PDB file of N, CA and C in Angstrom:
ATOM      1  N   MET A   1      15.842  52.131  30.182  1.00  0.00           N
ATOM      2  CA  MET A   1      15.359  52.791  31.509  1.00  0.00           C
ATOM      3  C   MET A   1      14.275  52.588  31.594  1.00  0.00           C
ATOM      4  N   SER A   2      13.458  52.006  32.801  1.00  0.00           N
ATOM      5  CA  SER A   2      12.042  52.093  33.038  1.00  0.00           C
ATOM      6  C   SER A   2      11.459  52.993  33.915  1.00  0.00           C
ATOM      7  N   PHE A   3      10.051  53.610  33.714  1.00  0.00           N
ATOM      8  CA  PHE A   3       9.556  54.615  34.428  1.00  0.00           C
ATOM      9  C   PHE A   3       8.850  53.513  35.357  1.00  0.00           C
ATOM     10  N   ALA A   4       8.553  54.240  36.332  1.00  0.00           N
ATOM     11  CA  ALA A   4       7.490  53.727  37.068  1.00  0.00           C
ATOM     12  C   ALA A   4       6.702  54.694  37.173  1.00  0.00           C
ATOM     13  N   VAL A   5       4.852  54.313  36.700  1.00  0.00           N
ATOM     14  CA  VAL A   5       3.772  54.506  36.369  1.00  0.00           C
ATOM     15  C   VAL A   5       2.669  54.545  37.564  1.00  0.00           C
ATOM     16  N   LEU A   6       2.376  56.153  37.815  1.00  0.00           N
ATOM     17  CA  LEU A   6       1.762  56.288  39.142  1.00  0.00           C
ATOM     18  C   LEU A   6       0.846  56.679  38.475  1.00  0.00           C
ATOM     19  N   PHE A   7      -0.570  56.802  39.361  1.00  0.00           N
ATOM     20  CA  PHE A   7      -2.003  57.212  38.947  1.00  0.00           C
ATOM     21  C   PHE A   7      -2.215  58.239  40.025  1.00  0.00           C
ATOM     22  N   SER A   8      -2.656  59.426  39.388  1.00  0.00           N
ATOM     23  CA  SER A   8      -3.220  60.362  40.765  1.00  0.00           C
ATOM     24  C   SER A   8      -4.787  59.860  41.093  1.00  0.00           C
ATOM     25  N   THR A   9      -4.941  60.547  41.839  1.00  0.00           N
ATOM     26  CA  THR A   9      -6.522  60.085  42.605  1.00  0.00           C
ATOM     27  C   THR A   9      -7.537  60.611  41.173  1.00  0.00           C
ATOM     28  N   ALA A  10      -7.431  61.887  40.636  1.00  0.00           N
ATOM     29  CA  ALA A  10      -8.089  61.823  39.325  1.00  0.00           C
ATOM     30  C   ALA A  10      -8.283  61.017  38.438  1.00  0.00           C
ATOM     31  N   ALA A  11      -7.023  60.375  38.094  1.00  0.00           N
ATOM     32  CA  ALA A  11      -6.832  59.445  37.062  1.00  0.00           C
ATOM     33  C   ALA A  11      -7.462  58.080  37.325  1.00  0.00           C
ATOM     34  N   ASP A  12      -7.302  57.750  39.353  1.00  0.00           N
ATOM     35  CA  ASP A  12      -7.987  56.579  39.388  1.00  0.00           C
ATOM     36  C   ASP A  12      -9.619  56.566  38.992  1.00  0.00           C
ATOM     37  N   GLU A  13     -10.030  57.628  39.494  1.00  0.00           N
ATOM     38  CA  GLU A  13     -11.514  58.262  39.365  1.00  0.00           C
ATOM     39  C   GLU A  13     -11.966  58.215  38.147  1.00  0.00           C
ATOM     40  N   ASP A  14     -11.147  58.845  36.923  1.00  0.00           N
ATOM     41  CA  ASP A  14     -11.693  58.546  35.658  1.00  0.00           C
ATOM     42  C   ASP A  14     -11.513  57.158  35.072  1.00  0.00           C
ATOM     43  N   LEU A  15     -10.960  56.211  35.348  1.00  0.00           N
ATOM     44  CA  LEU A  15     -10.699  54.913  35.234  1.00  0.00           C
ATOM     45  C   LEU A  15     -12.164  54.218  35.416  1.00  0.00           C
ATOM     46  N   GLN A  16     -12.710  54.602  36.584  1.00  0.00           N
ATOM     47  CA  GLN A  16     -13.641  53.863  37.277  1.00  0.00           C
ATOM     48  C   GLN A  16     -14.828  54.301  36.734  1.00  0.00           C
ATOM     49  N   ARG A  17     -14.859  55.841  36.321  1.00  0.00           N
ATOM     50  CA  ARG A  17     -15.985  56.882  35.576  1.00  0.00           C
ATOM     51  C   ARG A  17     -16.124  55.973  34.207  1.00  0.00           C
ATOM     52  N   ILE A  18     -15.215  55.724  33.552  1.00  0.00           N
ATOM     53  CA  ILE A  18     -14.977  55.009  32.283  1.00  0.00           C
ATOM     54  C   ILE A  18     -15.642  53.665  32.159  1.00  0.00           C
ATOM     55  N   PHE A  19     -15.063  53.039  33.129  1.00  0.00           N
ATOM     56  CA  PHE A  19     -15.680  51.596  33.160  1.00  0.00           C
ATOM     57  C   PHE A  19     -17.023  51.666  33.290  1.00  0.00           C
ATOM     58  N   ASN A  20     -17.457  52.383  34.683  1.00  0.00           N
ATOM     59  CA  ASN A  20     -19.226  52.387  34.719  1.00  0.00           C
ATOM     60  C   ASN A  20     -20.019  53.096  33.610  1.00  0.00           C
ATOM     61  N   PHE A  21     -19.516  53.892  32.881  1.00  0.00           N
ATOM     62  CA  PHE A  21     -20.114  54.314  31.794  1.00  0.00           C
ATOM     63  C   PHE A  21     -20.719  53.486  30.661  1.00  0.00           C
ATOM     64  N   LEU A  22     -19.089  52.372  30.582  1.00  0.00           N
ATOM     65  CA  LEU A  22     -19.294  51.548  29.409  1.00  0.00           C
ATOM     66  C   LEU A  22     -19.940  50.338  29.948  1.00  0.00           C
ATOM     67  N   LEU A  23     -20.075  49.904  31.080  1.00  0.00           N
ATOM     68  CA  LEU A  23     -21.083  49.028  31.824  1.00  0.00           C
ATOM     69  C   LEU A  23     -22.421  49.399  31.590  1.00  0.00           C
ATOM     70  N   LEU A  24     -22.650  50.101  32.048  1.00  0.00           N
ATOM     71  CA  LEU A  24     -24.189  50.740  31.737  1.00  0.00           C
ATOM     72  C   LEU A  24     -24.571  51.069  30.569  1.00  0.00           C
ATOM     73  N   ARG A  25     -23.659  51.531  29.714  1.00  0.00           N
ATOM     74  CA  ARG A  25     -24.262  51.455  28.638  1.00  0.00           C
ATOM     75  C   ARG A  25     -24.467  50.374  27.659  1.00  0.00           C
ATOM     76  N   GLU A  26     -23.502  49.341  27.788  1.00  0.00           N
ATOM     77  CA  GLU A  26     -23.689  48.048  27.589  1.00  0.00           C
ATOM     78  C   GLU A  26     -24.830  47.191  27.965  1.00  0.00           C
ATOM     79  N   LEU A  27     -25.293  47.514  29.311  1.00  0.00           N
ATOM     80  CA  LEU A  27     -26.199  46.977  30.014  1.00  0.00           C
ATOM     81  C   LEU A  27     -27.760  47.660  29.659  1.00  0.00           C
ATOM     82  N   ASP A  28     -27.854  48.648  28.903  1.00  0.00           N
ATOM     83  CA  ASP A  28     -28.522  49.374  28.065  1.00  0.00           C
ATOM     84  C   ASP A  28     -29.126  48.912  26.794  1.00  0.00           C
ATOM     85  N   SER A  29     -28.060  48.013  26.415  1.00  0.00           N
ATOM     86  CA  SER A  29     -28.043  47.901  24.711  1.00  0.00           C
ATOM     87  C   SER A  29     -28.637  46.486  24.471  1.00  0.00           C
ATOM     88  N   GLU A  30     -29.485  46.538  23.058  1.00  0.00           N
ATOM     89  CA  GLU A  30     -30.082  45.051  23.061  1.00  0.00           C
ATOM     90  C   GLU A  30     -28.961  44.314  22.685  1.00  0.00           C
ATOM     91  N   THR A  31     -28.071  44.917  22.151  1.00  0.00           N
ATOM     92  CA  THR A  31     -26.764  43.657  21.602  1.00  0.00           C
ATOM     93  C   THR A  31     -25.279  43.937  22.871  1.00  0.00           C
ATOM     94  N   ALA A  32     -26.049  43.482  23.890  1.00  0.00           N
ATOM     95  CA  ALA A  32     -24.838  44.005  24.739  1.00  0.00           C
ATOM     96  C   ALA A  32     -23.752  43.050  24.736  1.00  0.00           C
ATOM     97  N   ASP A  33     -22.525  43.752  25.124  1.00  0.00           N
ATOM     98  CA  ASP A  33     -21.156  42.839  25.137  1.00  0.00           C
ATOM     99  C   ASP A  33     -20.311  43.306  26.574  1.00  0.00           C
ATOM    100  N   LEU A  34     -20.575  42.736  27.297  1.00  0.00           N
ATOM    101  CA  LEU A  34     -20.331  42.872  28.769  1.00  0.00           C
ATOM    102  C   LEU A  34     -18.764  42.686  28.928  1.00  0.00           C
ATOM    103  N   ASP A  35     -17.794  42.272  27.877  1.00  0.00           N
ATOM    104  CA  ASP A  35     -16.238  42.428  28.020  1.00  0.00           C
ATOM    105  C   ASP A  35     -16.091  43.706  27.382  1.00  0.00           C
ATOM    106  N   ILE A  36     -16.944  44.617  26.728  1.00  0.00           N
ATOM    107  CA  ILE A  36     -16.270  45.727  26.650  1.00  0.00           C
ATOM    108  C   ILE A  36     -15.778  46.607  27.698  1.00  0.00           C
ATOM    109  N   PRO A  37     -16.297  46.900  28.619  1.00  0.00           N
ATOM    110  CA  PRO A  37     -15.984  47.786  29.689  1.00  0.00           C
ATOM    111  C   PRO A  37     -14.426  47.223  30.010  1.00  0.00           C
ATOM    112  N   GLU A  38     -14.231  45.947  30.300  1.00  0.00           N
ATOM    113  CA  GLU A  38     -12.671  45.768  30.477  1.00  0.00           C
ATOM    114  C   GLU A  38     -11.953  45.518  29.454  1.00  0.00           C
ATOM    115  N   LYS A  39     -12.257  45.318  28.382  1.00  0.00           N
ATOM    116  CA  LYS A  39     -11.275  45.406  27.287  1.00  0.00           C
ATOM    117  C   LYS A  39     -10.786  47.165  26.941  1.00  0.00           C
ATOM    118  N   ALA A  40     -11.615  47.735  27.531  1.00  0.00           N
ATOM    119  CA  ALA A  40     -11.351  49.195  27.090  1.00  0.00           C
ATOM    120  C   ALA A  40     -10.369  49.625  28.190  1.00  0.00           C
ATOM    121  N   ILE A  41     -10.503  49.121  29.683  1.00  0.00           N
ATOM    122  CA  ILE A  41      -9.504  49.166  30.703  1.00  0.00           C
ATOM    123  C   ILE A  41      -8.249  48.294  30.135  1.00  0.00           C
ATOM    124  N   GLN A  42      -8.032  47.081  29.635  1.00  0.00           N
ATOM    125  CA  GLN A  42      -7.057  46.909  29.205  1.00  0.00           C
ATOM    126  C   GLN A  42      -6.150  47.783  28.070  1.00  0.00           C
ATOM    127  N   ALA A  43      -7.050  47.910  26.838  1.00  0.00           N
ATOM    128  CA  ALA A  43      -6.358  49.034  26.099  1.00  0.00           C
ATOM    129  C   ALA A  43      -5.846  49.927  26.744  1.00  0.00           C
ATOM    130  N   ILE A  44      -6.365  50.852  27.616  1.00  0.00           N
ATOM    131  CA  ILE A  44      -5.628  51.961  28.215  1.00  0.00           C
ATOM    132  C   ILE A  44      -4.496  51.700  28.909  1.00  0.00           C
ATOM    133  N   GLN A  45      -4.563  50.684  29.713  1.00  0.00           N
ATOM    134  CA  GLN A  45      -3.356  50.016  30.406  1.00  0.00           C
ATOM    135  C   GLN A  45      -2.295  49.555  29.394  1.00  0.00           C
ATOM    136  N   SER A  46      -2.671  49.155  28.239  1.00  0.00           N
ATOM    137  CA  SER A  46      -1.391  48.687  27.463  1.00  0.00           C
ATOM    138  C   SER A  46      -0.895  49.942  26.891  1.00  0.00           C
ATOM    139  N   GLY A  47      -1.817  50.935  26.218  1.00  0.00           N
ATOM    140  CA  GLY A  47      -1.162  52.041  25.637  1.00  0.00           C
ATOM    141  C   GLY A  47      -0.119  52.361  27.037  1.00  0.00           C
ATOM    142  N   MET A  48      -0.741  52.683  27.956  1.00  0.00           N
ATOM    143  CA  MET A  48       0.558  53.376  28.963  1.00  0.00           C
ATOM    144  C   MET A  48       1.683  52.486  29.339  1.00  0.00           C
ATOM    145  N   ASN A  49       1.903  51.153  28.742  1.00  0.00           N
ATOM    146  CA  ASN A  49       3.048  50.779  28.629  1.00  0.00           C
ATOM    147  C   ASN A  49       4.244  51.606  27.817  1.00  0.00           C
ATOM    148  N   LEU A  50       3.663  52.509  27.001  1.00  0.00           N
ATOM    149  CA  LEU A  50       4.658  53.430  26.614  1.00  0.00           C
ATOM    150  C   LEU A  50       5.363  54.399  27.599  1.00  0.00           C
ATOM    151  N   PHE A  51       4.651  54.557  28.779  1.00  0.00           N
ATOM    152  CA  PHE A  51       5.110  55.776  29.782  1.00  0.00           C
ATOM    153  C   PHE A  51       6.214  55.109  30.412  1.00  0.00           C
ATOM    154  N   ARG A  52       6.201  53.641  30.301  1.00  0.00           N
ATOM    155  CA  ARG A  52       7.544  52.921  30.905  1.00  0.00           C
ATOM    156  C   ARG A  52       8.886  52.988  30.296  1.00  0.00           C
ATOM    157  N   SER A  53       8.510  52.983  29.017  1.00  0.00           N
ATOM    158  CA  SER A  53       9.954  53.148  28.012  1.00  0.00           C
ATOM    159  C   SER A  53      10.304  54.369  27.153  1.00  0.00           C
ATOM    160  N   SER A  54       9.241  54.901  27.339  1.00  0.00           N
ATOM    161  CA  SER A  54       9.669  56.099  26.375  1.00  0.00           C
ATOM    162  C   SER A  54       8.519  57.088  26.168  1.00  0.00           C
ATOM    163  N   PRO A  55       8.377  57.818  27.759  1.00  0.00           N
ATOM    164  CA  PRO A  55       7.234  58.606  27.935  1.00  0.00           C
ATOM    165  C   PRO A  55       7.878  60.288  26.829  1.00  0.00           C
ATOM    166  N   PHE A  56       9.019  60.348  26.558  1.00  0.00           N
ATOM    167  CA  PHE A  56       9.221  61.766  25.898  1.00  0.00           C
ATOM    168  C   PHE A  56       8.575  61.557  24.383  1.00  0.00           C
ATOM    169  N   ALA A  57       8.467  60.322  23.941  1.00  0.00           N
ATOM    170  CA  ALA A  57       7.899  60.258  22.671  1.00  0.00           C
ATOM    171  C   ALA A  57       6.434  60.686  22.757  1.00  0.00           C
ATOM    172  N   CYS A  58       5.856  60.840  23.639  1.00  0.00           N
ATOM    173  CA  CYS A  58       4.618  61.310  23.336  1.00  0.00           C
ATOM    174  C   CYS A  58       4.741  62.681  23.356  1.00  0.00           C
ATOM    175  N   ARG A  59       3.590  63.184  23.074  1.00  0.00           N
ATOM    176  CA  ARG A  59       3.155  64.726  22.461  1.00  0.00           C
ATOM    177  C   ARG A  59       3.080  65.546  23.827  1.00  0.00           C
ATOM    178  N   LYS A  60       4.010  66.861  23.528  1.00  0.00           N
ATOM    179  CA  LYS A  60       3.975  67.736  24.615  1.00  0.00           C
ATOM    180  C   LYS A  60       2.437  68.695  24.628  1.00  0.00           C
ATOM    181  N   VAL A  61       2.437  68.895  26.050  1.00  0.00           N
ATOM    182  CA  VAL A  61       0.717  69.902  26.134  1.00  0.00           C
ATOM    183  C   VAL A  61       1.425  71.293  26.914  1.00  0.00           C
ATOM    184  N   GLY A  62       1.341  72.396  26.363  1.00  0.00           N
ATOM    185  CA  GLY A  62       1.526  73.217  26.790  1.00  0.00           C
ATOM    186  C   GLY A  62       3.155  73.609  26.588  1.00  0.00           C
ATOM    187  N   ASP A  63       3.654  74.527  27.538  1.00  0.00           N
ATOM    188  CA  ASP A  63       4.833  75.135  27.502  1.00  0.00           C
ATOM    189  C   ASP A  63       5.861  74.120  28.231  1.00  0.00           C
ATOM    190  N   SER A  64       5.495  73.099  29.032  1.00  0.00           N
ATOM    191  CA  SER A  64       6.591  72.234  29.496  1.00  0.00           C
ATOM    192  C   SER A  64       6.809  71.312  28.816  1.00  0.00           C
ATOM    193  N   PRO A  65       8.227  70.903  28.914  1.00  0.00           N
ATOM    194  CA  PRO A  65       8.649  69.643  28.291  1.00  0.00           C
ATOM    195  C   PRO A  65       7.925  68.237  29.081  1.00  0.00           C
ATOM    196  N   PHE A  66       7.773  68.509  30.155  1.00  0.00           N
ATOM    197  CA  PHE A  66       7.614  67.129  30.952  1.00  0.00           C
ATOM    198  C   PHE A  66       5.829  66.925  31.222  1.00  0.00           C
ATOM    199  N   VAL A  67       5.063  67.741  30.837  1.00  0.00           N
ATOM    200  CA  VAL A  67       4.102  67.393  30.505  1.00  0.00           C
ATOM    201  C   VAL A  67       3.645  66.990  29.243  1.00  0.00           C
ATOM    202  N   ARG A  68       2.735  65.917  29.137  1.00  0.00           N
ATOM    203  CA  ARG A  68       2.706  65.123  27.725  1.00  0.00           C
ATOM    204  C   ARG A  68       1.077  64.229  27.655  1.00  0.00           C
ATOM    205  N   GLU A  69       0.639  63.990  26.511  1.00  0.00           N
ATOM    206  CA  GLU A  69      -0.550  63.127  26.123  1.00  0.00           C
ATOM    207  C   GLU A  69      -0.255  62.080  25.356  1.00  0.00           C
ATOM    208  N   LEU A  70      -0.822  60.912  25.908  1.00  0.00           N
ATOM    209  CA  LEU A  70      -0.834  59.946  24.727  1.00  0.00           C
ATOM    210  C   LEU A  70      -2.324  59.726  24.350  1.00  0.00           C
ATOM    211  N   ILE A  71      -2.558  59.348  23.004  1.00  0.00           N
ATOM    212  CA  ILE A  71      -3.745  58.946  22.330  1.00  0.00           C
ATOM    213  C   ILE A  71      -3.740  57.466  22.127  1.00  0.00           C
ATOM    214  N   ILE A  72      -5.068  56.691  23.221  1.00  0.00           N
ATOM    215  CA  ILE A  72      -4.958  55.620  23.243  1.00  0.00           C
ATOM    216  C   ILE A  72      -6.201  55.124  22.129  1.00  0.00           C
ATOM    217  N   THR A  73      -5.872  54.359  21.136  1.00  0.00           N
ATOM    218  CA  THR A  73      -6.945  53.758  20.374  1.00  0.00           C
ATOM    219  C   THR A  73      -7.640  52.761  21.034  1.00  0.00           C
ATOM    220  N   PHE A  74      -9.375  52.901  20.635  1.00  0.00           N
ATOM    221  CA  PHE A  74     -10.018  51.755  21.409  1.00  0.00           C
ATOM    222  C   PHE A  74     -11.117  51.815  20.204  1.00  0.00           C
ATOM    223  N   GLY A  75     -11.429  50.857  19.499  1.00  0.00           N
ATOM    224  CA  GLY A  75     -12.557  50.732  18.773  1.00  0.00           C
ATOM    225  C   GLY A  75     -12.540  51.872  17.703  1.00  0.00           C
ATOM    226  N   SER A  76     -13.295  52.529  17.144  1.00  0.00           N
ATOM    227  CA  SER A  76     -13.516  53.648  16.366  1.00  0.00           C
ATOM    228  C   SER A  76     -13.185  55.030  16.991  1.00  0.00           C
ATOM    229  N   THR A  77     -13.292  55.026  18.170  1.00  0.00           N
ATOM    230  CA  THR A  77     -12.205  56.385  18.812  1.00  0.00           C
ATOM    231  C   THR A  77     -11.244  56.132  19.477  1.00  0.00           C
ATOM    232  N   GLY A  78     -11.290  56.465  20.742  1.00  0.00           N
ATOM    233  CA  GLY A  78     -10.178  56.317  21.906  1.00  0.00           C
ATOM    234  C   GLY A  78     -10.157  56.731  23.166  1.00  0.00           C
ATOM    235  N   TYR A  79      -9.128  56.951  23.844  1.00  0.00           N
ATOM    236  CA  TYR A  79      -9.146  57.844  24.797  1.00  0.00           C
ATOM    237  C   TYR A  79      -7.546  58.866  24.745  1.00  0.00           C
ATOM    238  N   VAL A  80      -7.403  59.746  25.742  1.00  0.00           N
ATOM    239  CA  VAL A  80      -6.237  60.545  25.555  1.00  0.00           C
ATOM    240  C   VAL A  80      -5.994  60.485  27.403  1.00  0.00           C
ATOM    241  N   ALA A  81      -4.295  60.265  27.633  1.00  0.00           N
ATOM    242  CA  ALA A  81      -4.039  60.272  29.151  1.00  0.00           C
ATOM    243  C   ALA A  81      -3.339  61.403  28.863  1.00  0.00           C
ATOM    244  N   LEU A  82      -3.401  62.479  29.979  1.00  0.00           N
ATOM    245  CA  LEU A  82      -2.628  63.517  30.467  1.00  0.00           C
ATOM    246  C   LEU A  82      -1.677  63.068  31.347  1.00  0.00           C
ATOM    247  N   PHE A  83      -0.485  63.243  31.338  1.00  0.00           N
ATOM    248  CA  PHE A  83       0.692  62.705  32.188  1.00  0.00           C
ATOM    249  C   PHE A  83       1.625  63.939  32.206  1.00  0.00           C
ATOM    250  N   GLU A  84       2.637  63.684  33.500  1.00  0.00           N
ATOM    251  CA  GLU A  84       3.715  64.356  33.836  1.00  0.00           C
ATOM    252  C   GLU A  84       4.710  63.433  34.339  1.00  0.00           C
ATOM    253  N   ILE A  85       6.173  63.657  33.164  1.00  0.00           N
ATOM    254  CA  ILE A  85       7.210  63.397  34.008  1.00  0.00           C
ATOM    255  C   ILE A  85       7.858  63.975  35.049  1.00  0.00           C
ATOM    256  N   ILE A  86       7.693  62.986  36.165  1.00  0.00           N
ATOM    257  CA  ILE A  86       8.172  63.510  37.343  1.00  0.00           C
ATOM    258  C   ILE A  86       9.907  64.038  37.587  1.00  0.00           C
ATOM    259  N   ASN A  87      10.520  62.715  37.155  1.00  0.00           N
ATOM    260  CA  ASN A  87      11.518  62.816  36.882  1.00  0.00           C
ATOM    261  C   ASN A  87      12.416  61.624  36.344  1.00  0.00           C
ATOM    262  N   GLU A  88      13.465  60.995  36.476  1.00  0.00           N
ATOM    263  CA  GLU A  88      14.315  60.173  35.426  1.00  0.00           C
ATOM    264  C   GLU A  88      13.424  58.817  35.677  1.00  0.00           C
ATOM    265  N   THR A  89      12.883  58.816  36.800  1.00  0.00           N
ATOM    266  CA  THR A  89      12.228  57.342  36.897  1.00  0.00           C
ATOM    267  C   THR A  89      10.632  57.642  37.361  1.00  0.00           C
ATOM    268  N   THR A  90      10.069  58.128  36.956  1.00  0.00           N
ATOM    269  CA  THR A  90       8.573  58.095  37.492  1.00  0.00           C
ATOM    270  C   THR A  90       8.070  58.973  36.426  1.00  0.00           C
ATOM    271  N   VAL A  91       6.621  58.693  36.445  1.00  0.00           N
ATOM    272  CA  VAL A  91       5.710  59.215  35.556  1.00  0.00           C
ATOM    273  C   VAL A  91       4.749  59.182  36.299  1.00  0.00           C
ATOM    274  N   ILE A  92       3.536  60.014  36.348  1.00  0.00           N
ATOM    275  CA  ILE A  92       2.399  60.354  36.867  1.00  0.00           C
ATOM    276  C   ILE A  92       1.086  60.670  36.016  1.00  0.00           C
ATOM    277  N   ILE A  93       0.360  59.960  36.124  1.00  0.00           N
ATOM    278  CA  ILE A  93      -0.973  60.167  35.295  1.00  0.00           C
ATOM    279  C   ILE A  93      -2.099  61.046  35.754  1.00  0.00           C
ATOM    280  N   GLY A  94      -2.368  62.065  35.072  1.00  0.00           N
ATOM    281  CA  GLY A  94      -3.298  63.040  35.729  1.00  0.00           C
ATOM    282  C   GLY A  94      -4.576  62.799  35.661  1.00  0.00           C
ATOM    283  N   ALA A  95      -5.035  62.467  34.241  1.00  0.00           N
ATOM    284  CA  ALA A  95      -6.232  62.384  33.968  1.00  0.00           C
ATOM    285  C   ALA A  95      -6.404  61.747  32.707  1.00  0.00           C
ATOM    286  N   ILE A  96      -7.521  60.763  32.458  1.00  0.00           N
ATOM    287  CA  ILE A  96      -8.025  59.648  31.390  1.00  0.00           C
ATOM    288  C   ILE A  96      -9.271  60.330  30.838  1.00  0.00           C
ATOM    289  N   ARG A  97      -9.453  60.538  29.831  1.00  0.00           N
ATOM    290  CA  ARG A  97     -10.555  60.819  29.120  1.00  0.00           C
ATOM    291  C   ARG A  97     -11.057  60.572  27.693  1.00  0.00           C
ATOM    292  N   HIS A  98     -12.138  60.411  27.372  1.00  0.00           N
ATOM    293  CA  HIS A  98     -12.602  59.593  26.219  1.00  0.00           C
ATOM    294  C   HIS A  98     -12.056  60.857  25.149  1.00  0.00           C
ATOM    295  N   LEU A  99     -12.086  60.518  23.723  1.00  0.00           N
ATOM    296  CA  LEU A  99     -11.474  61.250  22.854  1.00  0.00           C
ATOM    297  C   LEU A  99     -12.566  62.643  22.331  1.00  0.00           C
ATOM    298  N   ARG A 100     -14.019  62.032  22.889  1.00  0.00           N
ATOM    299  CA  ARG A 100     -15.201  62.945  22.778  1.00  0.00           C
ATOM    300  C   ARG A 100     -15.554  63.510  23.912  1.00  0.00           C
ATOM    301  N   GLU A 101     -14.914  63.448  24.723  1.00  0.00           N
ATOM    302  CA  GLU A 101     -15.060  64.245  26.212  1.00  0.00           C
ATOM    303  C   GLU A 101     -15.029  65.828  26.111  1.00  0.00           C
ATOM    304  N   GLU A 102     -15.283  66.592  26.972  1.00  0.00           N
ATOM    305  CA  GLU A 102     -14.611  67.967  27.104  1.00  0.00           C
ATOM    306  C   GLU A 102     -12.767  67.844  27.226  1.00  0.00           C
ATOM    307  N   ASP A 103     -12.518  68.723  26.943  1.00  0.00           N
ATOM    308  CA  ASP A 103     -11.066  69.198  27.185  1.00  0.00           C
ATOM    309  C   ASP A 103     -10.882  68.965  28.695  1.00  0.00           C
ATOM    310  N   TYR A 104      -9.844  68.323  29.149  1.00  0.00           N
ATOM    311  CA  TYR A 104      -9.518  68.420  30.856  1.00  0.00           C
ATOM    312  C   TYR A 104      -8.381  69.148  30.746  1.00  0.00           C
ATOM    313  N   HIS A 105      -7.654  70.280  30.188  1.00  0.00           N
ATOM    314  CA  HIS A 105      -6.811  70.970  30.378  1.00  0.00           C
ATOM    315  C   HIS A 105      -7.409  71.942  31.381  1.00  0.00           C
TER     316      HIS A 105
END
């Protein structure tokens, strides 16, 4: 079975914020690697392939069996995606954060 993956407005904004942060960081660096922002977004998107096939394999968050999170590695840290399994065919991403950011709960 394959699940459709939808992004909330907040999750779309998170991806843009992550990309912009990485781009500005690299532009300010003496050893700038302007491929890093795109590679981070690609890593996040690749990690989300698990949602399409096995969303219940991800760690539960709170009391609901349908709210879960996925850790996505990137470099020496990574990202965490909070999502909800809406029904037997749909998953919606609620938020995406860097592992060192404040909690999104």
